[in-house]
N, C-alpha and C. Protein backbone atom coordinates (compact mmCIF):
# COMPACT_ATOMS: atom_id res chain seq x y z
N MET A 1 32.71 0.37 -8.75
CA MET A 1 31.32 0.33 -8.34
C MET A 1 30.51 -0.42 -9.40
N LYS A 2 29.86 -1.49 -9.00
CA LYS A 2 29.05 -2.28 -9.93
C LYS A 2 27.60 -1.87 -9.79
N ARG A 3 27.01 -1.48 -10.91
CA ARG A 3 25.62 -1.01 -10.92
C ARG A 3 24.71 -2.04 -11.56
N GLY A 4 23.45 -2.00 -11.15
CA GLY A 4 22.45 -2.88 -11.74
C GLY A 4 21.06 -2.34 -11.51
N ILE A 5 20.07 -3.11 -11.95
CA ILE A 5 18.67 -2.74 -11.78
C ILE A 5 17.89 -3.95 -11.26
N ASP A 6 16.72 -3.66 -10.70
CA ASP A 6 15.79 -4.74 -10.36
C ASP A 6 14.47 -4.42 -11.04
N VAL A 7 13.82 -5.47 -11.56
CA VAL A 7 12.65 -5.26 -12.41
C VAL A 7 11.54 -6.25 -12.13
N SER A 8 10.34 -5.84 -12.53
CA SER A 8 9.16 -6.70 -12.49
C SER A 8 8.34 -6.41 -13.74
N GLU A 9 7.19 -7.06 -13.82
CA GLU A 9 6.29 -6.87 -14.97
C GLU A 9 5.86 -5.42 -15.14
N HIS A 10 5.94 -4.64 -14.07
CA HIS A 10 5.50 -3.25 -14.13
C HIS A 10 6.35 -2.39 -15.07
N LYS A 11 7.52 -2.87 -15.43
CA LYS A 11 8.40 -2.13 -16.36
C LYS A 11 8.10 -2.46 -17.82
N GLY A 12 7.19 -3.39 -18.08
CA GLY A 12 6.86 -3.75 -19.46
C GLY A 12 8.01 -4.45 -20.14
N THR A 13 8.06 -4.34 -21.45
CA THR A 13 9.14 -4.96 -22.23
C THR A 13 10.41 -4.13 -22.06
N ILE A 14 11.50 -4.80 -21.76
CA ILE A 14 12.77 -4.13 -21.50
C ILE A 14 13.75 -4.45 -22.62
N ASN A 15 14.41 -3.43 -23.12
CA ASN A 15 15.50 -3.62 -24.07
C ASN A 15 16.76 -3.85 -23.25
N TRP A 16 17.13 -5.11 -23.11
CA TRP A 16 18.24 -5.44 -22.22
C TRP A 16 19.57 -4.93 -22.73
N GLN A 17 19.71 -4.75 -24.03
CA GLN A 17 20.96 -4.18 -24.54
C GLN A 17 21.11 -2.74 -24.09
N ASP A 18 19.99 -2.00 -24.00
CA ASP A 18 20.03 -0.64 -23.46
C ASP A 18 20.52 -0.64 -22.02
N VAL A 19 20.09 -1.63 -21.25
CA VAL A 19 20.50 -1.75 -19.85
C VAL A 19 22.02 -1.96 -19.77
N VAL A 20 22.54 -2.85 -20.62
CA VAL A 20 23.99 -3.10 -20.66
C VAL A 20 24.72 -1.85 -21.13
N ASN A 21 24.23 -1.22 -22.19
CA ASN A 21 24.89 -0.03 -22.74
C ASN A 21 24.94 1.12 -21.74
N ASP A 22 24.01 1.12 -20.78
CA ASP A 22 23.98 2.15 -19.74
C ASP A 22 25.03 1.89 -18.65
N GLY A 23 25.73 0.79 -18.74
CA GLY A 23 26.79 0.50 -17.78
C GLY A 23 26.40 -0.42 -16.65
N ASN A 24 25.24 -1.02 -16.75
CA ASN A 24 24.80 -1.95 -15.72
C ASN A 24 25.44 -3.31 -15.91
N GLU A 25 25.73 -3.97 -14.79
CA GLU A 25 26.38 -5.27 -14.83
C GLU A 25 25.50 -6.40 -14.32
N PHE A 26 24.37 -6.04 -13.68
CA PHE A 26 23.50 -7.09 -13.16
C PHE A 26 22.05 -6.65 -13.17
N ALA A 27 21.18 -7.66 -13.06
CA ALA A 27 19.75 -7.42 -12.95
C ALA A 27 19.16 -8.45 -11.98
N ILE A 28 18.26 -7.97 -11.14
CA ILE A 28 17.56 -8.86 -10.22
C ILE A 28 16.09 -8.83 -10.63
N ILE A 29 15.57 -10.00 -10.96
CA ILE A 29 14.27 -10.14 -11.62
C ILE A 29 13.23 -10.69 -10.64
N ARG A 30 12.05 -10.08 -10.63
CA ARG A 30 10.99 -10.60 -9.77
C ARG A 30 10.42 -11.88 -10.38
N LEU A 31 10.41 -12.95 -9.58
CA LEU A 31 9.79 -14.21 -9.99
C LEU A 31 8.28 -14.14 -9.79
N GLY A 32 7.86 -13.59 -8.67
CA GLY A 32 6.44 -13.52 -8.38
C GLY A 32 6.18 -12.85 -7.06
N TRP A 33 4.95 -13.03 -6.59
CA TRP A 33 4.54 -12.43 -5.32
C TRP A 33 3.39 -13.23 -4.72
N GLY A 34 3.31 -13.12 -3.41
CA GLY A 34 2.17 -13.68 -2.69
C GLY A 34 1.93 -15.16 -2.94
N ASN A 35 0.66 -15.52 -2.92
CA ASN A 35 0.25 -16.91 -3.03
C ASN A 35 0.20 -17.37 -4.49
N GLN A 36 1.37 -17.78 -4.98
CA GLN A 36 1.51 -18.37 -6.31
C GLN A 36 1.12 -17.43 -7.46
N HIS A 37 1.56 -16.20 -7.37
CA HIS A 37 1.38 -15.26 -8.47
C HIS A 37 2.71 -15.14 -9.21
N LEU A 38 2.75 -15.65 -10.43
CA LEU A 38 3.95 -15.56 -11.25
C LEU A 38 4.00 -14.21 -11.94
N ASP A 39 5.13 -13.52 -11.84
CA ASP A 39 5.32 -12.27 -12.57
C ASP A 39 5.20 -12.58 -14.07
N GLU A 40 4.30 -11.91 -14.76
CA GLU A 40 4.02 -12.24 -16.17
C GLU A 40 5.22 -12.01 -17.09
N ARG A 41 6.22 -11.26 -16.66
CA ARG A 41 7.40 -11.01 -17.49
C ARG A 41 8.63 -11.76 -16.96
N PHE A 42 8.45 -12.64 -15.97
CA PHE A 42 9.60 -13.29 -15.35
C PHE A 42 10.48 -14.00 -16.37
N TYR A 43 9.92 -14.89 -17.16
CA TYR A 43 10.74 -15.66 -18.10
C TYR A 43 11.42 -14.76 -19.13
N ASP A 44 10.68 -13.80 -19.68
CA ASP A 44 11.27 -12.88 -20.66
C ASP A 44 12.39 -12.05 -20.03
N ASN A 45 12.14 -11.54 -18.82
CA ASN A 45 13.16 -10.72 -18.17
C ASN A 45 14.38 -11.53 -17.77
N PHE A 46 14.16 -12.71 -17.21
CA PHE A 46 15.28 -13.54 -16.79
C PHE A 46 16.15 -13.91 -17.99
N ASN A 47 15.53 -14.43 -19.04
CA ASN A 47 16.28 -14.83 -20.23
C ASN A 47 16.89 -13.64 -20.96
N GLY A 48 16.15 -12.53 -21.02
CA GLY A 48 16.67 -11.34 -21.68
C GLY A 48 17.92 -10.80 -21.00
N ALA A 49 17.89 -10.73 -19.67
CA ALA A 49 19.06 -10.25 -18.92
C ALA A 49 20.23 -11.21 -19.07
N LEU A 50 19.96 -12.49 -18.97
CA LEU A 50 21.01 -13.50 -19.09
C LEU A 50 21.63 -13.47 -20.49
N ASN A 51 20.80 -13.40 -21.51
CA ASN A 51 21.29 -13.36 -22.90
C ASN A 51 22.06 -12.08 -23.22
N ALA A 52 21.77 -11.01 -22.49
CA ALA A 52 22.50 -9.75 -22.70
C ALA A 52 23.85 -9.75 -21.98
N GLY A 53 24.12 -10.80 -21.24
CA GLY A 53 25.41 -10.92 -20.55
C GLY A 53 25.43 -10.35 -19.14
N LEU A 54 24.26 -10.03 -18.60
CA LEU A 54 24.20 -9.51 -17.24
C LEU A 54 24.25 -10.65 -16.23
N LYS A 55 24.82 -10.37 -15.07
CA LYS A 55 24.70 -11.29 -13.94
C LYS A 55 23.27 -11.18 -13.48
N VAL A 56 22.64 -12.30 -13.16
CA VAL A 56 21.23 -12.26 -12.77
C VAL A 56 21.00 -12.80 -11.37
N GLY A 57 19.95 -12.28 -10.78
CA GLY A 57 19.43 -12.76 -9.51
C GLY A 57 17.91 -12.73 -9.61
N ILE A 58 17.27 -13.27 -8.61
CA ILE A 58 15.81 -13.34 -8.58
C ILE A 58 15.33 -12.85 -7.22
N TYR A 59 14.17 -12.17 -7.22
CA TYR A 59 13.55 -11.86 -5.93
C TYR A 59 12.09 -12.28 -5.94
N TYR A 60 11.57 -12.47 -4.72
CA TYR A 60 10.17 -12.84 -4.54
C TYR A 60 9.55 -11.86 -3.55
N TYR A 61 8.50 -11.16 -3.98
CA TYR A 61 7.80 -10.18 -3.15
C TYR A 61 6.79 -10.91 -2.27
N SER A 62 7.06 -10.91 -0.97
CA SER A 62 6.23 -11.68 -0.06
C SER A 62 4.96 -10.94 0.35
N GLU A 63 3.89 -11.70 0.44
CA GLU A 63 2.66 -11.23 1.05
C GLU A 63 2.28 -12.13 2.23
N ALA A 64 3.24 -12.93 2.69
CA ALA A 64 2.98 -13.86 3.79
C ALA A 64 2.66 -13.10 5.07
N THR A 65 1.68 -13.61 5.80
CA THR A 65 1.34 -13.02 7.09
C THR A 65 1.67 -13.97 8.26
N ASP A 66 2.23 -15.13 7.92
CA ASP A 66 2.75 -16.03 8.96
C ASP A 66 3.78 -16.95 8.31
N ALA A 67 4.47 -17.71 9.16
CA ALA A 67 5.56 -18.55 8.67
C ALA A 67 5.09 -19.64 7.71
N SER A 68 3.89 -20.17 7.90
CA SER A 68 3.42 -21.22 7.00
C SER A 68 3.16 -20.66 5.60
N GLU A 69 2.65 -19.44 5.52
CA GLU A 69 2.48 -18.80 4.21
C GLU A 69 3.83 -18.51 3.57
N ALA A 70 4.83 -18.13 4.37
CA ALA A 70 6.18 -17.90 3.84
C ALA A 70 6.76 -19.19 3.28
N ALA A 71 6.53 -20.30 3.97
CA ALA A 71 7.02 -21.60 3.48
C ALA A 71 6.36 -21.95 2.16
N ALA A 72 5.07 -21.67 2.03
CA ALA A 72 4.36 -21.95 0.77
C ALA A 72 4.89 -21.07 -0.36
N GLU A 73 5.18 -19.80 -0.07
CA GLU A 73 5.77 -18.92 -1.09
C GLU A 73 7.12 -19.46 -1.54
N ALA A 74 7.93 -19.89 -0.58
CA ALA A 74 9.25 -20.42 -0.91
C ALA A 74 9.15 -21.68 -1.76
N GLU A 75 8.24 -22.57 -1.41
CA GLU A 75 8.05 -23.81 -2.19
C GLU A 75 7.60 -23.49 -3.61
N TYR A 76 6.75 -22.48 -3.76
CA TYR A 76 6.31 -22.07 -5.09
C TYR A 76 7.49 -21.53 -5.90
N ALA A 77 8.31 -20.69 -5.29
CA ALA A 77 9.49 -20.15 -5.99
C ALA A 77 10.42 -21.28 -6.42
N LEU A 78 10.62 -22.25 -5.54
CA LEU A 78 11.47 -23.40 -5.88
C LEU A 78 10.86 -24.20 -7.04
N TYR A 79 9.56 -24.40 -7.01
CA TYR A 79 8.89 -25.13 -8.08
C TYR A 79 9.11 -24.43 -9.43
N ILE A 80 8.90 -23.12 -9.48
CA ILE A 80 9.07 -22.37 -10.74
C ILE A 80 10.51 -22.47 -11.22
N MET A 81 11.47 -22.27 -10.33
CA MET A 81 12.88 -22.33 -10.76
C MET A 81 13.25 -23.73 -11.24
N GLN A 82 12.85 -24.74 -10.51
CA GLN A 82 13.19 -26.10 -10.90
C GLN A 82 12.50 -26.48 -12.21
N ASP A 83 11.26 -26.05 -12.38
CA ASP A 83 10.53 -26.32 -13.62
C ASP A 83 11.18 -25.64 -14.81
N ALA A 84 11.74 -24.45 -14.57
CA ALA A 84 12.39 -23.68 -15.65
C ALA A 84 13.85 -24.07 -15.84
N GLY A 85 14.36 -24.95 -15.00
CA GLY A 85 15.76 -25.35 -15.13
C GLY A 85 16.74 -24.32 -14.61
N ILE A 86 16.28 -23.45 -13.70
CA ILE A 86 17.16 -22.43 -13.13
C ILE A 86 17.86 -23.03 -11.91
N THR A 87 19.14 -23.26 -12.06
CA THR A 87 19.94 -23.87 -11.00
C THR A 87 20.64 -22.77 -10.18
N PRO A 88 21.05 -23.10 -8.96
CA PRO A 88 21.70 -22.08 -8.12
C PRO A 88 22.90 -21.42 -8.78
N ASP A 89 23.68 -22.18 -9.57
CA ASP A 89 24.87 -21.60 -10.19
C ASP A 89 24.54 -20.56 -11.27
N MET A 90 23.31 -20.53 -11.73
CA MET A 90 22.90 -19.53 -12.73
C MET A 90 22.63 -18.17 -12.08
N LEU A 91 22.45 -18.17 -10.76
CA LEU A 91 22.07 -16.95 -10.05
C LEU A 91 23.29 -16.30 -9.40
N GLU A 92 24.11 -15.65 -10.23
CA GLU A 92 25.30 -14.99 -9.70
C GLU A 92 24.96 -13.90 -8.69
N MET A 93 23.75 -13.33 -8.81
CA MET A 93 23.31 -12.29 -7.87
C MET A 93 22.41 -12.87 -6.78
N GLY A 94 22.28 -14.18 -6.73
CA GLY A 94 21.54 -14.83 -5.66
C GLY A 94 20.03 -14.71 -5.79
N PHE A 95 19.38 -15.20 -4.76
CA PHE A 95 17.92 -15.12 -4.65
C PHE A 95 17.64 -14.22 -3.45
N TRP A 96 16.59 -13.41 -3.55
CA TRP A 96 16.28 -12.43 -2.51
C TRP A 96 14.83 -12.53 -2.06
N PHE A 97 14.65 -12.55 -0.75
CA PHE A 97 13.33 -12.52 -0.15
C PHE A 97 13.00 -11.05 0.11
N ASP A 98 11.92 -10.57 -0.52
CA ASP A 98 11.52 -9.16 -0.46
C ASP A 98 10.45 -8.99 0.62
N GLU A 99 10.85 -8.42 1.75
CA GLU A 99 9.94 -8.20 2.88
C GLU A 99 9.69 -6.70 3.02
N GLU A 100 8.47 -6.30 2.70
CA GLU A 100 8.10 -4.89 2.75
C GLU A 100 6.78 -4.71 3.47
N ASN A 101 6.57 -3.52 3.92
CA ASN A 101 5.29 -3.16 4.52
C ASN A 101 4.51 -2.35 3.48
N ASP A 102 3.36 -2.87 3.09
CA ASP A 102 2.51 -2.12 2.16
C ASP A 102 1.13 -1.99 2.80
N ASP A 103 0.24 -1.29 2.15
CA ASP A 103 -1.09 -1.05 2.73
C ASP A 103 -1.82 -2.36 3.03
N TRP A 104 -1.74 -3.33 2.12
CA TRP A 104 -2.44 -4.60 2.31
C TRP A 104 -1.90 -5.32 3.54
N LYS A 105 -0.59 -5.37 3.65
CA LYS A 105 0.05 -6.13 4.71
C LYS A 105 0.01 -5.43 6.06
N SER A 106 0.09 -4.11 6.06
CA SER A 106 0.19 -3.38 7.33
C SER A 106 -1.03 -3.59 8.21
N ASP A 107 -2.18 -3.88 7.61
CA ASP A 107 -3.38 -4.15 8.40
C ASP A 107 -3.39 -5.57 8.98
N ARG A 108 -2.57 -6.45 8.42
CA ARG A 108 -2.61 -7.86 8.79
C ARG A 108 -1.40 -8.32 9.60
N LEU A 109 -0.31 -7.58 9.54
CA LEU A 109 0.94 -8.05 10.12
C LEU A 109 1.67 -6.89 10.79
N THR A 110 1.73 -6.93 12.12
CA THR A 110 2.38 -5.84 12.85
C THR A 110 3.43 -6.33 13.84
N ASP A 111 3.45 -7.62 14.16
CA ASP A 111 4.37 -8.15 15.17
C ASP A 111 5.76 -8.37 14.59
N PRO A 112 6.79 -7.66 15.11
CA PRO A 112 8.15 -7.82 14.58
C PRO A 112 8.67 -9.26 14.64
N GLU A 113 8.31 -10.01 15.69
CA GLU A 113 8.79 -11.40 15.77
C GLU A 113 8.16 -12.26 14.68
N GLU A 114 6.89 -12.03 14.39
CA GLU A 114 6.23 -12.78 13.31
C GLU A 114 6.84 -12.41 11.97
N ILE A 115 7.14 -11.15 11.77
CA ILE A 115 7.79 -10.70 10.53
C ILE A 115 9.15 -11.36 10.39
N THR A 116 9.90 -11.43 11.49
CA THR A 116 11.21 -12.09 11.46
C THR A 116 11.06 -13.59 11.19
N ASP A 117 10.05 -14.23 11.80
CA ASP A 117 9.79 -15.65 11.53
C ASP A 117 9.51 -15.88 10.05
N ILE A 118 8.75 -14.99 9.43
CA ILE A 118 8.45 -15.09 7.99
C ILE A 118 9.74 -15.05 7.19
N CYS A 119 10.60 -14.10 7.53
CA CYS A 119 11.88 -13.98 6.81
C CYS A 119 12.73 -15.23 6.96
N THR A 120 12.89 -15.69 8.20
CA THR A 120 13.76 -16.86 8.42
C THR A 120 13.20 -18.11 7.75
N THR A 121 11.89 -18.27 7.78
CA THR A 121 11.28 -19.45 7.16
C THR A 121 11.54 -19.49 5.66
N PHE A 122 11.26 -18.38 4.96
CA PHE A 122 11.47 -18.35 3.51
C PHE A 122 12.96 -18.55 3.18
N ILE A 123 13.81 -17.78 3.84
CA ILE A 123 15.25 -17.85 3.55
C ILE A 123 15.80 -19.25 3.82
N ASN A 124 15.45 -19.84 4.94
CA ASN A 124 15.95 -21.18 5.27
C ASN A 124 15.46 -22.23 4.27
N THR A 125 14.22 -22.09 3.80
CA THR A 125 13.69 -23.05 2.81
C THR A 125 14.50 -23.00 1.52
N LEU A 126 14.82 -21.79 1.05
CA LEU A 126 15.63 -21.67 -0.17
C LEU A 126 17.04 -22.19 0.06
N GLU A 127 17.63 -21.83 1.20
CA GLU A 127 19.00 -22.28 1.51
C GLU A 127 19.08 -23.80 1.57
N GLU A 128 18.10 -24.42 2.20
CA GLU A 128 18.09 -25.88 2.32
C GLU A 128 17.98 -26.56 0.95
N ALA A 129 17.40 -25.85 -0.03
CA ALA A 129 17.29 -26.39 -1.39
C ALA A 129 18.52 -26.06 -2.23
N GLY A 130 19.51 -25.37 -1.64
CA GLY A 130 20.75 -25.08 -2.35
C GLY A 130 20.84 -23.72 -3.01
N TYR A 131 19.84 -22.86 -2.81
CA TYR A 131 19.85 -21.52 -3.40
C TYR A 131 20.25 -20.51 -2.34
N HIS A 132 21.33 -19.75 -2.59
CA HIS A 132 21.71 -18.70 -1.64
C HIS A 132 20.60 -17.66 -1.61
N CYS A 133 20.09 -17.37 -0.43
CA CYS A 133 18.97 -16.44 -0.31
C CYS A 133 19.31 -15.33 0.66
N GLY A 134 19.16 -14.10 0.19
CA GLY A 134 19.37 -12.92 1.02
C GLY A 134 18.04 -12.25 1.33
N LEU A 135 18.12 -11.16 2.06
CA LEU A 135 16.95 -10.40 2.48
C LEU A 135 16.98 -9.01 1.88
N TYR A 136 15.88 -8.63 1.20
CA TYR A 136 15.68 -7.26 0.72
C TYR A 136 14.66 -6.60 1.65
N ALA A 137 15.00 -5.44 2.16
CA ALA A 137 14.08 -4.65 2.97
C ALA A 137 14.57 -3.21 2.98
N ASN A 138 13.69 -2.30 3.36
CA ASN A 138 14.13 -0.91 3.45
C ASN A 138 14.85 -0.67 4.77
N TYR A 139 15.54 0.44 4.84
CA TYR A 139 16.36 0.77 6.01
C TYR A 139 15.54 0.75 7.29
N ASP A 140 14.35 1.31 7.27
CA ASP A 140 13.51 1.35 8.46
C ASP A 140 13.17 -0.06 8.94
N TYR A 141 12.79 -0.94 8.03
CA TYR A 141 12.46 -2.32 8.40
C TYR A 141 13.68 -3.04 8.97
N LEU A 142 14.85 -2.80 8.36
CA LEU A 142 16.07 -3.46 8.82
C LEU A 142 16.50 -3.00 10.21
N THR A 143 16.23 -1.74 10.54
CA THR A 143 16.70 -1.20 11.81
C THR A 143 15.63 -1.16 12.90
N ASN A 144 14.34 -1.18 12.52
CA ASN A 144 13.29 -1.01 13.52
C ASN A 144 12.26 -2.13 13.60
N VAL A 145 12.22 -3.02 12.64
CA VAL A 145 11.15 -4.03 12.62
C VAL A 145 11.72 -5.45 12.66
N ILE A 146 12.50 -5.82 11.69
CA ILE A 146 13.04 -7.18 11.62
C ILE A 146 14.13 -7.35 12.68
N ASP A 147 14.09 -8.47 13.39
CA ASP A 147 15.12 -8.77 14.38
C ASP A 147 16.34 -9.34 13.65
N MET A 148 17.22 -8.45 13.24
CA MET A 148 18.36 -8.86 12.42
C MET A 148 19.37 -9.70 13.20
N SER A 149 19.27 -9.73 14.52
CA SER A 149 20.15 -10.61 15.30
C SER A 149 19.83 -12.08 15.04
N ARG A 150 18.64 -12.35 14.51
CA ARG A 150 18.27 -13.72 14.15
C ARG A 150 18.67 -14.06 12.71
N LEU A 151 19.22 -13.09 11.99
CA LEU A 151 19.57 -13.28 10.58
C LEU A 151 21.04 -12.86 10.35
N LEU A 152 21.90 -13.21 11.29
CA LEU A 152 23.29 -12.72 11.23
C LEU A 152 24.06 -13.17 10.00
N GLY A 153 23.82 -14.36 9.50
CA GLY A 153 24.57 -14.84 8.35
C GLY A 153 23.92 -14.53 7.01
N VAL A 154 22.83 -13.77 7.03
CA VAL A 154 22.06 -13.50 5.82
C VAL A 154 22.58 -12.24 5.12
N THR A 155 22.77 -12.35 3.81
CA THR A 155 23.18 -11.21 3.00
C THR A 155 22.01 -10.23 2.90
N VAL A 156 22.32 -8.93 2.96
CA VAL A 156 21.27 -7.90 2.99
C VAL A 156 21.36 -6.98 1.79
N TRP A 157 20.19 -6.71 1.21
CA TRP A 157 20.00 -5.73 0.13
C TRP A 157 19.10 -4.66 0.73
N CYS A 158 19.64 -3.48 0.91
CA CYS A 158 18.93 -2.41 1.61
C CYS A 158 18.41 -1.35 0.64
N ALA A 159 17.13 -1.06 0.77
CA ALA A 159 16.53 0.05 0.01
C ALA A 159 16.57 1.30 0.89
N GLN A 160 17.27 2.31 0.41
CA GLN A 160 17.33 3.59 1.12
C GLN A 160 17.64 4.66 0.08
N TYR A 161 16.63 5.46 -0.24
CA TYR A 161 16.81 6.49 -1.26
C TYR A 161 17.46 7.69 -0.60
N ASN A 162 18.77 7.73 -0.74
CA ASN A 162 19.60 8.65 0.01
C ASN A 162 20.92 8.81 -0.74
N SER A 163 21.77 9.68 -0.26
CA SER A 163 23.07 9.87 -0.89
C SER A 163 24.08 8.81 -0.47
N GLN A 164 23.73 8.03 0.56
CA GLN A 164 24.57 6.92 1.00
C GLN A 164 23.70 5.88 1.66
N CYS A 165 24.24 4.67 1.77
CA CYS A 165 23.54 3.60 2.48
C CYS A 165 24.02 3.60 3.92
N ASP A 166 23.10 3.76 4.84
CA ASP A 166 23.45 3.84 6.26
C ASP A 166 23.40 2.48 6.97
N TYR A 167 22.99 1.44 6.25
CA TYR A 167 22.92 0.12 6.88
C TYR A 167 24.25 -0.61 6.67
N ASP A 168 25.01 -0.78 7.75
CA ASP A 168 26.38 -1.31 7.67
C ASP A 168 26.47 -2.71 7.08
N ARG A 169 25.47 -3.55 7.28
CA ARG A 169 25.54 -4.93 6.81
C ARG A 169 25.11 -5.11 5.35
N ALA A 170 24.72 -4.03 4.70
CA ALA A 170 24.21 -4.15 3.32
C ALA A 170 25.32 -4.54 2.35
N SER A 171 24.98 -5.49 1.48
CA SER A 171 25.87 -5.89 0.38
C SER A 171 25.44 -5.22 -0.92
N ILE A 172 24.14 -4.98 -1.04
CA ILE A 172 23.59 -4.27 -2.20
C ILE A 172 22.74 -3.12 -1.66
N TRP A 173 22.80 -2.00 -2.33
CA TRP A 173 22.05 -0.81 -1.94
C TRP A 173 21.16 -0.38 -3.10
N GLN A 174 19.84 -0.38 -2.87
CA GLN A 174 18.91 0.19 -3.84
C GLN A 174 18.81 1.67 -3.49
N TYR A 175 19.38 2.51 -4.34
CA TYR A 175 19.53 3.92 -3.99
C TYR A 175 18.50 4.83 -4.64
N THR A 176 17.76 4.34 -5.62
CA THR A 176 16.75 5.18 -6.26
C THR A 176 15.71 4.31 -6.95
N ASP A 177 14.56 4.90 -7.17
CA ASP A 177 13.53 4.25 -7.99
C ASP A 177 13.31 5.03 -9.27
N SER A 178 14.27 5.89 -9.60
CA SER A 178 14.07 6.75 -10.77
C SER A 178 15.33 6.88 -11.63
N ALA A 179 16.04 5.78 -11.82
CA ALA A 179 17.17 5.78 -12.76
C ALA A 179 16.60 5.69 -14.18
N ARG A 180 17.05 6.55 -15.04
CA ARG A 180 16.52 6.60 -16.40
C ARG A 180 17.47 5.87 -17.36
N ILE A 181 16.90 4.90 -18.10
CA ILE A 181 17.66 4.19 -19.13
C ILE A 181 16.85 4.29 -20.41
N ASN A 182 17.36 5.04 -21.35
CA ASN A 182 16.71 5.24 -22.65
C ASN A 182 15.22 5.60 -22.49
N GLY A 183 14.95 6.54 -21.59
CA GLY A 183 13.60 7.05 -21.41
C GLY A 183 12.71 6.27 -20.45
N LYS A 184 13.19 5.15 -19.92
CA LYS A 184 12.41 4.33 -18.98
C LYS A 184 13.00 4.45 -17.57
N MET A 185 12.13 4.47 -16.58
CA MET A 185 12.58 4.59 -15.19
C MET A 185 12.73 3.21 -14.54
N PHE A 186 13.80 3.04 -13.77
CA PHE A 186 14.09 1.78 -13.11
C PHE A 186 14.52 2.01 -11.67
N ASP A 187 14.32 0.97 -10.83
CA ASP A 187 14.97 0.93 -9.52
C ASP A 187 16.43 0.59 -9.80
N ALA A 188 17.33 1.33 -9.17
CA ALA A 188 18.76 1.12 -9.43
C ALA A 188 19.50 0.72 -8.16
N ASP A 189 20.51 -0.11 -8.35
CA ASP A 189 21.23 -0.72 -7.23
C ASP A 189 22.74 -0.63 -7.45
N ILE A 190 23.45 -0.69 -6.34
CA ILE A 190 24.91 -0.69 -6.36
C ILE A 190 25.37 -1.82 -5.45
N ILE A 191 26.40 -2.56 -5.89
CA ILE A 191 27.03 -3.54 -5.01
C ILE A 191 28.00 -2.78 -4.13
N LEU A 192 27.86 -2.92 -2.83
CA LEU A 192 28.75 -2.24 -1.89
C LEU A 192 29.96 -3.12 -1.63
N GLU A 193 31.13 -2.55 -1.75
CA GLU A 193 32.35 -3.36 -1.59
C GLU A 193 33.09 -3.00 -0.35
């Protein structure tokens, strides 16, 4: 069982050696969110995890409310990666499109087909640029909102805080938001084999 964490600026400064010493093998780092908001710890977290010997991946937290906004988010993510010299081969854990329902978005976006269009637009834009892109969503979104029949070839990272992952297509399972590493709480993930 391969364990890892996913992080954003909300975790502050991370001692990446502590993460490795805790038995983690990978980290998925937030690049940004919404309309060109760069995660203020992205570069430090990406380089810190890579230098600690962890396999790394990147995710982007979407605030898109239509496909054109999703395309703009994807182009921004590509710009940041290309500007930083992050090539697809550096992302052993891939790139992930983070589609969630939050208070801000729930008032603006309710149509499942539009939500699916947002996912396919972002993912296809990254794939066309040579970056393998998967979908991160919670179990409810994967089973009740997103039309997964339109995303059959897409790798899935499922968030479900439970004793097991019930989503059969999941490759990665985010099983908790309260894994403790040297006194700090993290979202924790497992690669499902």
